[in-house]
Amino acid sequence: MTHAEFHAWLLGLGMGWLGWTEQQTLESRMTSIMAAYKARIDMLKAIFGGGDGARPAKDATGGVSLKDPAGLRGLLKALGKKG
């Protein structure tokens, strides 16, 4: 990777992944951009799971297909709601 490609990649991290403005990104140190990017990835893994073998919590439907009327009635009954 050339220096120009690396700087373009950093600019993409700052403006894309981190949501910073161009000015904020350009005024930041390379190490700060990379640390903020790593922290963003860690945050997304904590929220959604994944990446390192971690799996998100089982969905609230208990695996019931939302397209299955009988399954939905059973799920609603289990939740104490009319189906």
Protein backbone atom coordinates (compact mmCIF):
# COMPACT_ATOMS: atom_id res chain seq x y z
CA MET A 1 0.00 0.00 0.00
CA THR A 2 1.42 3.37 -0.97
CA HIS A 3 1.39 6.39 1.34
CA ALA A 4 -1.36 7.95 -0.76
CA GLU A 5 -3.49 4.79 -0.52
CA PHE A 6 -2.93 4.60 3.25
CA HIS A 7 -3.98 8.23 3.75
CA ALA A 8 -7.05 7.69 1.56
CA TRP A 9 -7.90 4.63 3.68
CA LEU A 10 -7.55 6.68 6.88
CA LEU A 11 -9.73 9.42 5.44
CA GLY A 12 -12.34 6.77 4.61
CA LEU A 13 -12.22 5.46 8.18
CA GLY A 14 -12.63 8.91 9.66
CA MET A 15 -15.37 10.14 7.38
CA GLY A 16 -17.12 6.82 6.75
CA TRP A 17 -16.88 4.56 9.78
CA LEU A 18 -16.48 7.26 12.39
CA GLY A 19 -18.74 9.93 10.90
CA TRP A 20 -16.18 12.69 11.32
CA THR A 21 -15.99 15.67 9.00
CA GLU A 22 -13.14 15.95 6.53
CA GLN A 23 -11.57 18.69 8.64
CA GLN A 24 -11.81 16.65 11.86
CA THR A 25 -10.25 13.66 10.15
CA LEU A 26 -7.43 15.62 8.55
CA GLU A 27 -6.62 17.35 11.86
CA SER A 28 -6.43 14.02 13.74
CA ARG A 29 -3.31 11.94 14.21
CA MET A 30 -3.14 8.62 12.37
CA THR A 31 -2.97 6.74 15.65
CA SER A 32 -6.09 8.53 16.90
CA ILE A 33 -8.07 7.57 13.80
CA MET A 34 -7.00 3.94 14.08
CA ALA A 35 -7.75 3.84 17.84
CA ALA A 36 -11.20 5.36 17.28
CA TYR A 37 -11.88 2.88 14.46
CA LYS A 38 -10.89 -0.07 16.70
CA ALA A 39 -13.13 1.28 19.46
CA ARG A 40 -16.04 1.59 16.99
CA ILE A 41 -15.56 -2.02 15.88
CA ASP A 42 -15.45 -3.15 19.53
CA MET A 43 -18.64 -1.20 20.24
CA LEU A 44 -20.45 -2.77 17.28
CA LYS A 45 -19.32 -6.25 18.38
CA ALA A 46 -20.59 -5.55 21.89
CA ILE A 47 -23.96 -4.44 20.55
CA PHE A 48 -24.47 -6.95 17.73
CA GLY A 49 -21.98 -9.72 18.56
CA GLY A 50 -19.82 -11.49 16.04
CA GLY A 51 -16.37 -11.43 14.63
CA ASP A 52 -14.45 -13.48 17.17
CA GLY A 53 -16.76 -16.42 17.71
CA ALA A 54 -19.20 -14.46 19.84
CA ARG A 55 -22.83 -14.83 18.83
CA PRO A 56 -25.65 -12.38 19.41
CA ALA A 57 -28.32 -13.36 21.90
CA LYS A 58 -31.15 -15.54 20.57
CA ASP A 59 -33.86 -13.48 18.92
CA ALA A 60 -37.01 -12.61 20.84
CA THR A 61 -39.19 -14.81 18.64
CA GLY A 62 -37.53 -17.97 19.95
CA GLY A 63 -36.86 -19.08 16.39
CA VAL A 64 -40.53 -18.86 15.32
CA SER A 65 -40.96 -17.77 11.72
CA LEU A 66 -42.91 -14.56 11.44
CA LYS A 67 -44.51 -16.02 8.30
CA ASP A 68 -46.03 -18.97 10.20
CA PRO A 69 -49.51 -18.00 11.55
CA ALA A 70 -49.71 -20.96 13.94
CA GLY A 71 -46.24 -20.24 15.26
CA LEU A 72 -47.12 -16.57 15.77
CA ARG A 73 -50.28 -17.48 17.68
CA GLY A 74 -48.24 -19.77 19.93
CA LEU A 75 -45.66 -17.06 20.49
CA LEU A 76 -48.31 -14.49 21.34
CA LYS A 77 -50.01 -16.97 23.69
CA ALA A 78 -46.70 -17.64 25.43
CA LEU A 79 -46.25 -13.88 25.82
CA GLY A 80 -49.75 -13.60 27.32
CA LYS A 81 -51.32 -11.71 24.43
CA LYS A 82 -54.37 -12.51 22.32
CA GLY A 83 -53.55 -14.13 19.00
